[in-house]
Amino acid sequence: MPDATELVHGTCVALGRTAALLRGPSGSGKSDLALRFLFLARRGPAALEAPILVADDQVCLVRNDGRILAKSPDTIRGKMEVRGVGIVEVKSLMEAELALVVDLMPGTEKIERLPEGNAKARLLGIELPLVGLFPWEASAPIKLAIALARAKHS
């Protein structure tokens, strides 16, 4: 039986069954970054486990046995909004364990070149690693894959 649940505005992607929650206001690039992440070649951090969608726009978080599971609401499972194209169907997971929170930053913010690595986000009473990314950088999906792979092994 789950300890607690929360529906959050965001997009969730995974490598295998380990997930990252992308947060930011509407129009900040969550779905766009997720789309580019999903199409990463099977190299680098995505070599062993292909990137996959968990949920787009709304993510149901469930605390269970000291971990957080991310799921898609049934009504939008396997669907993704692609701005300028519409709603598209993509391969998705039923659920994945959340290991990382990513705050999408506007270009006016400053991101540390060498972060200490101790930034945390608290969701449902559980602390998770937190990173900030500029979603529109060409390297953003690769940085997301690297950060998620690191969080998976920590």
Protein backbone atom coordinates (compact mmCIF):
# COMPACT_ATOMS: atom_id res chain seq x y z
CA MET A 1 0.00 0.00 0.00
CA PRO A 2 1.49 3.40 -0.92
CA ASP A 3 2.46 5.84 1.84
CA ALA A 4 1.48 8.99 -0.09
CA THR A 5 0.73 10.22 -3.59
CA GLU A 6 0.94 13.56 -5.37
CA LEU A 7 0.11 14.70 -8.90
CA VAL A 8 2.73 17.16 -10.17
CA HIS A 9 3.09 19.31 -13.26
CA GLY A 10 6.14 18.02 -15.10
CA THR A 11 7.51 15.46 -17.51
CA CYS A 12 9.18 12.21 -16.51
CA VAL A 13 11.66 10.20 -18.58
CA ALA A 14 13.75 7.16 -17.73
CA LEU A 15 16.78 5.11 -18.59
CA GLY A 16 15.58 1.58 -18.00
CA ARG A 17 13.42 1.80 -14.89
CA THR A 18 15.25 4.76 -13.32
CA ALA A 19 13.55 8.10 -13.86
CA ALA A 20 14.11 11.85 -13.84
CA LEU A 21 11.37 14.40 -13.20
CA LEU A 22 11.68 17.52 -15.38
CA ARG A 23 10.16 20.58 -13.70
CA GLY A 24 9.47 24.07 -14.98
CA PRO A 25 6.60 26.37 -15.87
CA SER A 26 4.48 25.88 -18.96
CA GLY A 27 6.53 26.57 -22.10
CA SER A 28 9.88 26.06 -20.32
CA GLY A 29 10.93 23.15 -22.55
CA LYS A 30 10.00 20.05 -20.55
CA SER A 31 8.36 18.16 -23.41
CA ASP A 32 10.90 19.40 -25.94
CA LEU A 33 13.85 18.21 -23.83
CA ALA A 34 12.09 14.90 -23.19
CA LEU A 35 11.50 14.42 -26.93
CA ARG A 36 15.18 14.99 -27.71
CA PHE A 37 16.17 12.69 -24.81
CA LEU A 38 13.94 9.91 -26.17
CA PHE A 39 15.74 10.03 -29.50
CA LEU A 40 19.28 9.80 -28.10
CA ALA A 41 21.40 7.23 -29.88
CA ARG A 42 22.28 4.13 -27.86
CA ARG A 43 25.71 5.50 -26.92
CA GLY A 44 27.22 6.95 -23.78
CA PRO A 45 24.87 6.84 -20.77
CA ALA A 46 22.01 5.59 -22.97
CA ALA A 47 24.04 2.64 -24.31
CA LEU A 48 22.73 -0.01 -21.93
CA GLU A 49 19.17 1.14 -21.42
CA ALA A 50 17.19 3.06 -24.00
CA PRO A 51 15.57 6.35 -23.00
CA ILE A 52 11.82 6.03 -22.53
CA LEU A 53 8.88 8.21 -21.53
CA VAL A 54 7.10 7.73 -18.22
CA ALA A 55 4.71 10.71 -18.34
CA ASP A 56 4.31 14.05 -20.10
CA ASP A 57 2.69 17.13 -18.55
CA GLN A 58 1.39 15.40 -15.41
CA VAL A 59 3.23 12.88 -13.27
CA CYS A 60 1.74 10.86 -10.44
CA LEU A 61 4.31 10.35 -7.68
CA VAL A 62 3.78 7.50 -5.22
CA ARG A 63 5.91 7.06 -2.09
CA ASN A 64 6.31 3.37 -1.38
CA ASP A 65 8.85 1.62 0.89
CA GLY A 66 11.15 4.65 1.12
CA ARG A 67 11.28 5.31 -2.61
CA ILE A 68 9.22 7.29 -5.10
CA LEU A 69 7.58 5.68 -8.09
CA ALA A 70 6.60 7.88 -11.02
CA LYS A 71 3.56 6.98 -13.12
CA SER A 72 1.45 8.54 -15.82
CA PRO A 73 -2.24 9.24 -15.28
CA ASP A 74 -4.19 6.66 -17.31
CA THR A 75 -5.75 9.30 -19.57
CA ILE A 76 -2.39 10.47 -20.95
CA ARG A 77 -0.27 7.29 -20.75
CA GLY A 78 1.91 6.92 -23.84
CA LYS A 79 0.99 10.36 -25.14
CA MET A 80 3.25 13.36 -25.55
CA GLU A 81 2.60 16.91 -26.64
CA VAL A 82 4.90 17.92 -29.49
CA ARG A 83 4.47 21.66 -29.95
CA GLY A 84 3.60 22.49 -33.55
CA VAL A 85 2.72 18.85 -34.33
CA GLY A 86 0.14 17.86 -31.71
CA ILE A 87 -0.35 14.89 -29.40
CA VAL A 88 1.70 11.88 -30.47
CA GLU A 89 1.87 8.33 -29.19
CA VAL A 90 5.26 7.12 -27.89
CA LYS A 91 6.51 4.02 -26.16
CA SER A 92 6.24 4.44 -22.40
CA LEU A 93 6.68 2.70 -19.06
CA MET A 94 3.86 2.06 -16.59
CA GLU A 95 6.13 3.23 -13.75
CA ALA A 96 9.76 3.90 -12.88
CA GLU A 97 11.68 4.69 -9.72
CA LEU A 98 12.41 8.40 -9.44
CA ALA A 99 16.13 9.01 -8.88
CA LEU A 100 16.64 12.62 -10.06
CA VAL A 101 14.84 15.95 -10.20
CA VAL A 102 15.78 18.40 -12.96
CA ASP A 103 14.78 22.05 -12.74
CA LEU A 104 14.73 23.69 -16.16
CA MET A 105 16.38 27.08 -16.03
CA PRO A 106 15.73 30.11 -18.21
CA GLY A 107 18.75 31.47 -20.08
CA THR A 108 18.98 34.37 -17.62
CA GLU A 109 19.84 32.09 -14.68
CA LYS A 110 23.35 30.98 -13.83
CA ILE A 111 24.23 27.28 -13.59
CA GLU A 112 27.35 26.35 -11.67
CA ARG A 113 30.11 24.98 -13.89
CA LEU A 114 31.22 22.47 -11.25
CA PRO A 115 28.32 22.01 -8.82
CA GLU A 116 29.05 20.53 -5.42
CA GLY A 117 26.63 17.72 -6.13
CA ASN A 118 24.70 18.13 -2.90
CA ALA A 119 21.62 19.99 -4.16
CA LYS A 120 18.45 18.14 -3.16
CA ALA A 121 14.75 18.28 -3.89
CA ARG A 122 12.26 17.02 -1.32
CA LEU A 123 9.26 15.18 -2.74
CA LEU A 124 6.80 13.28 -0.56
CA GLY A 125 9.27 13.56 2.32
CA ILE A 126 12.14 11.95 0.39
CA GLU A 127 15.26 13.82 -0.73
CA LEU A 128 16.50 13.27 -4.27
CA PRO A 129 19.45 14.71 -6.19
CA LEU A 130 18.59 17.99 -7.95
CA VAL A 131 20.27 19.47 -11.02
CA GLY A 132 19.53 22.53 -13.12
CA LEU A 133 19.70 22.47 -16.92
CA PHE A 134 19.16 24.94 -19.73
CA PRO A 135 16.66 22.89 -21.80
CA TRP A 136 17.41 24.60 -25.10
CA GLU A 137 21.15 23.79 -25.18
CA ALA A 138 22.03 21.25 -27.85
CA SER A 139 23.78 19.16 -25.19
CA ALA A 140 20.84 19.21 -22.73
CA PRO A 141 19.51 15.69 -23.53
CA ILE A 142 23.02 14.26 -23.18
CA LYS A 143 23.53 16.12 -19.89
CA LEU A 144 20.19 14.72 -18.71
CA ALA A 145 21.30 11.17 -19.58
CA ILE A 146 24.62 11.66 -17.75
CA ALA A 147 22.95 13.11 -14.64
CA LEU A 148 20.36 10.32 -14.60
CA ALA A 149 23.00 7.62 -15.03
CA ARG A 150 25.00 9.16 -12.14
CA ALA A 151 21.92 9.36 -9.90
CA LYS A 152 21.11 5.74 -10.69
CA HIS A 153 24.48 4.60 -9.40
CA SER A 154 24.63 6.78 -6.28
